[in-house]
C-alpha atoms as a PDB file:
ATOM      1  CA  UNK A   1     -20.023  74.515  26.829  1.00  0.00           C
ATOM      2  CA  UNK A   2     -16.505  73.492  27.804  1.00  0.00           C
ATOM      3  CA  UNK A   3     -16.052  76.575  29.975  1.00  0.00           C
ATOM      4  CA  UNK A   4     -19.252  76.326  32.036  1.00  0.00           C
ATOM      5  CA  UNK A   5     -16.994  75.370  34.952  1.00  0.00           C
ATOM      6  CA  UNK A   6     -15.436  78.850  34.677  1.00  0.00           C
ATOM      7  CA  UNK A   7     -18.677  80.756  35.273  1.00  0.00           C
ATOM      8  CA  UNK A   8     -17.845  83.536  37.693  1.00  0.00           C
ATOM      9  CA  UNK A   9     -14.176  82.545  37.891  1.00  0.00           C
ATOM     10  CA  UNK A  10     -11.700  85.275  38.818  1.00  0.00           C
ATOM     11  CA  UNK A  11      -9.038  86.518  36.409  1.00  0.00           C
ATOM     12  CA  UNK A  12      -6.038  84.210  36.032  1.00  0.00           C
ATOM     13  CA  UNK A  13      -5.267  80.565  35.443  1.00  0.00           C
ATOM     14  CA  UNK A  14      -7.646  77.775  36.416  1.00  0.00           C
ATOM     15  CA  UNK A  15      -7.489  74.011  35.947  1.00  0.00           C
ATOM     16  CA  UNK A  16     -10.307  71.703  34.981  1.00  0.00           C
ATOM     17  CA  UNK A  17     -10.189  68.031  33.913  1.00  0.00           C
ATOM     18  CA  UNK A  18      -6.413  68.151  33.581  1.00  0.00           C
ATOM     19  CA  UNK A  19      -6.440  71.170  31.247  1.00  0.00           C
ATOM     20  CA  UNK A  20      -5.165  74.660  32.049  1.00  0.00           C
ATOM     21  CA  UNK A  21      -7.295  77.672  31.131  1.00  0.00           C
ATOM     22  CA  UNK A  22      -6.779  81.413  31.293  1.00  0.00           C
ATOM     23  CA  UNK A  23      -9.586  83.746  32.360  1.00  0.00           C
ATOM     24  CA  UNK A  24      -9.157  87.349  31.233  1.00  0.00           C
ATOM     25  CA  UNK A  25     -11.929  89.966  31.067  1.00  0.00           C
ATOM     26  CA  UNK A  26     -14.541  87.201  31.181  1.00  0.00           C
ATOM     27  CA  UNK A  27     -12.992  85.360  28.251  1.00  0.00           C
ATOM     28  CA  UNK A  28     -11.809  81.765  28.842  1.00  0.00           C
ATOM     29  CA  UNK A  29      -9.041  80.357  26.630  1.00  0.00           C
ATOM     30  CA  UNK A  30      -7.068  77.118  26.626  1.00  0.00           C
ATOM     31  CA  UNK A  31      -3.735  78.088  28.191  1.00  0.00           C
ATOM     32  CA  UNK A  32      -1.345  76.269  25.831  1.00  0.00           C
ATOM     33  CA  UNK A  33      -3.161  77.071  22.547  1.00  0.00           C
ATOM     34  CA  UNK A  34      -4.993  80.327  23.188  1.00  0.00           C
ATOM     35  CA  UNK A  35      -8.120  78.729  21.696  1.00  0.00           C
ATOM     36  CA  UNK A  36     -11.383  80.246  22.914  1.00  0.00           C
ATOM     37  CA  UNK A  37     -13.043  77.866  25.368  1.00  0.00           C
ATOM     38  CA  UNK A  38     -16.003  79.996  26.431  1.00  0.00           C
ATOM     39  CA  UNK A  39     -16.981  82.739  28.831  1.00  0.00           C
ATOM     40  CA  UNK A  40     -16.836  83.254  32.571  1.00  0.00           C
ATOM     41  CA  UNK A  41     -19.748  85.702  32.314  1.00  0.00           C
ATOM     42  CA  UNK A  42     -23.206  84.801  33.537  1.00  0.00           C
ATOM     43  CA  UNK A  43     -26.278  85.454  31.419  1.00  0.00           C
ATOM     44  CA  UNK A  44     -26.985  88.485  33.597  1.00  0.00           C
ATOM     45  CA  UNK A  45     -23.449  89.795  32.980  1.00  0.00           C
ATOM     46  CA  UNK A  46     -24.103  89.391  29.261  1.00  0.00           C
ATOM     47  CA  UNK A  47     -27.402  91.257  29.500  1.00  0.00           C
ATOM     48  CA  UNK A  48     -25.718  94.092  31.390  1.00  0.00           C
ATOM     49  CA  UNK A  49     -22.952  94.297  28.759  1.00  0.00           C
ATOM     50  CA  UNK A  50     -25.466  94.248  25.900  1.00  0.00           C
ATOM     51  CA  UNK A  51     -27.353  97.154  27.462  1.00  0.00           C
ATOM     52  CA  UNK A  52     -24.198  99.127  28.315  1.00  0.00           C
ATOM     53  CA  UNK A  53     -22.408  98.573  24.991  1.00  0.00           C
ATOM     54  CA  UNK A  54     -25.315  98.944  22.556  1.00  0.00           C
ATOM     55  CA  UNK A  55     -28.580 100.778  22.202  1.00  0.00           C
ATOM     56  CA  UNK A  56     -30.575  97.633  22.967  1.00  0.00           C
ATOM     57  CA  UNK A  57     -33.162  98.594  25.612  1.00  0.00           C
ATOM     58  CA  UNK A  58     -33.295  96.494  28.808  1.00  0.00           C
ATOM     59  CA  UNK A  59     -36.636  94.773  28.011  1.00  0.00           C
ATOM     60  CA  UNK A  60     -35.275  93.575  24.646  1.00  0.00           C
ATOM     61  CA  UNK A  61     -31.964  92.441  26.172  1.00  0.00           C
ATOM     62  CA  UNK A  62     -33.847  90.442  28.804  1.00  0.00           C
ATOM     63  CA  UNK A  63     -36.124  88.952  26.140  1.00  0.00           C
ATOM     64  CA  UNK A  64     -33.089  87.911  24.071  1.00  0.00           C
ATOM     65  CA  UNK A  65     -31.510  86.267  27.131  1.00  0.00           C
ATOM     66  CA  UNK A  66     -34.639  84.354  28.131  1.00  0.00           C
ATOM     67  CA  UNK A  67     -36.817  83.859  25.058  1.00  0.00           C
ATOM     68  CA  UNK A  68     -34.106  82.699  22.656  1.00  0.00           C
ATOM     69  CA  UNK A  69     -32.752  79.924  24.926  1.00  0.00           C
ATOM     70  CA  UNK A  70     -36.311  78.805  25.688  1.00  0.00           C
ATOM     71  CA  UNK A  71     -37.057  78.515  21.960  1.00  0.00           C
ATOM     72  CA  UNK A  72     -33.776  76.698  21.326  1.00  0.00           C
ATOM     73  CA  UNK A  73     -34.728  74.127  23.983  1.00  0.00           C
ATOM     74  CA  UNK A  74     -38.333  73.847  22.807  1.00  0.00           C
ATOM     75  CA  UNK A  75     -39.633  75.350  26.066  1.00  0.00           C
ATOM     76  CA  UNK A  76     -41.047  78.595  24.680  1.00  0.00           C
ATOM     77  CA  UNK A  77     -44.609  77.821  25.837  1.00  0.00           C
ATOM     78  CA  UNK A  78     -43.456  77.592  29.475  1.00  0.00           C
ATOM     79  CA  UNK A  79     -40.198  79.562  29.789  1.00  0.00           C
ATOM     80  CA  UNK A  80     -38.982  82.971  28.648  1.00  0.00           C
ATOM     81  CA  UNK A  81     -42.470  84.399  28.351  1.00  0.00           C
ATOM     82  CA  UNK A  82     -45.092  86.207  30.402  1.00  0.00           C
ATOM     83  CA  UNK A  83     -48.421  84.669  29.481  1.00  0.00           C
ATOM     84  CA  UNK A  84     -51.176  82.509  30.909  1.00  0.00           C
ATOM     85  CA  UNK A  85     -50.062  78.903  31.291  1.00  0.00           C
ATOM     86  CA  UNK A  86     -46.341  79.729  31.512  1.00  0.00           C
ATOM     87  CA  UNK A  87     -44.336  78.636  34.563  1.00  0.00           C
ATOM     88  CA  UNK A  88     -44.343  82.058  36.300  1.00  0.00           C
ATOM     89  CA  UNK A  89     -40.558  82.066  36.706  1.00  0.00           C
ATOM     90  CA  UNK A  90     -39.681  85.755  37.013  1.00  0.00           C
ATOM     91  CA  UNK A  91     -36.797  88.018  37.924  1.00  0.00           C
ATOM     92  CA  UNK A  92     -37.464  91.592  39.004  1.00  0.00           C
ATOM     93  CA  UNK A  93     -34.618  94.055  38.344  1.00  0.00           C
ATOM     94  CA  UNK A  94     -34.081  97.603  39.495  1.00  0.00           C
ATOM     95  CA  UNK A  95     -32.956 100.338  37.077  1.00  0.00           C
ATOM     96  CA  UNK A  96     -29.316  99.338  37.672  1.00  0.00           C
ATOM     97  CA  UNK A  97     -30.083  95.767  36.504  1.00  0.00           C
ATOM     98  CA  UNK A  98     -29.599  94.409  40.033  1.00  0.00           C
ATOM     99  CA  UNK A  99     -31.810  91.484  41.012  1.00  0.00           C
ATOM    100  CA  UNK A 100     -34.441  92.550  43.525  1.00  0.00           C
ATOM    101  CA  UNK A 101     -36.750  89.530  43.481  1.00  0.00           C
ATOM    102  CA  UNK A 102     -36.983  86.084  41.915  1.00  0.00           C
ATOM    103  CA  UNK A 103     -40.031  83.878  41.568  1.00  0.00           C
ATOM    104  CA  UNK A 104     -40.130  80.238  40.533  1.00  0.00           C
ATOM    105  CA  UNK A 105     -43.503  78.748  39.775  1.00  0.00           C
ATOM    106  CA  UNK A 106     -45.091  81.926  41.111  1.00  0.00           C
ATOM    107  CA  UNK A 107     -43.399  81.553  44.531  1.00  0.00           C
ATOM    108  CA  UNK A 108     -41.033  84.286  45.741  1.00  0.00           C
ATOM    109  CA  UNK A 109     -37.670  82.695  46.459  1.00  0.00           C
ATOM    110  CA  UNK A 110     -35.583  85.841  46.848  1.00  0.00           C
ATOM    111  CA  UNK A 111     -36.511  89.366  47.854  1.00  0.00           C
ATOM    112  CA  UNK A 112     -39.988  90.616  48.470  1.00  0.00           C
ATOM    113  CA  UNK A 113     -42.677  92.503  46.669  1.00  0.00           C
ATOM    114  CA  UNK A 114     -42.892  95.534  48.974  1.00  0.00           C
END
């Protein structure tokens, strides 16, 4: 959790709360110790890597990235699932795993459905 501030950070050194960190290939380490501090990758970056680097099919990768966190937080009845009574928070991807549309509570917030 310490490296959440580094999400999307470019390669190189960054400072946060008086500490120096190094970002390299998405990996965030404490500059003076080399200790792993976290990742600069987003969940979507992780899903893309999982698909590209393994034989995990996209639907399973997406399920792992949404269903598992929902269960961990006790939100599995509302989040990370497509079923009646869930929140209707959706992301529509194209075949290249690019976001084409997002819905929150059933309302389109990005993209369109055409």
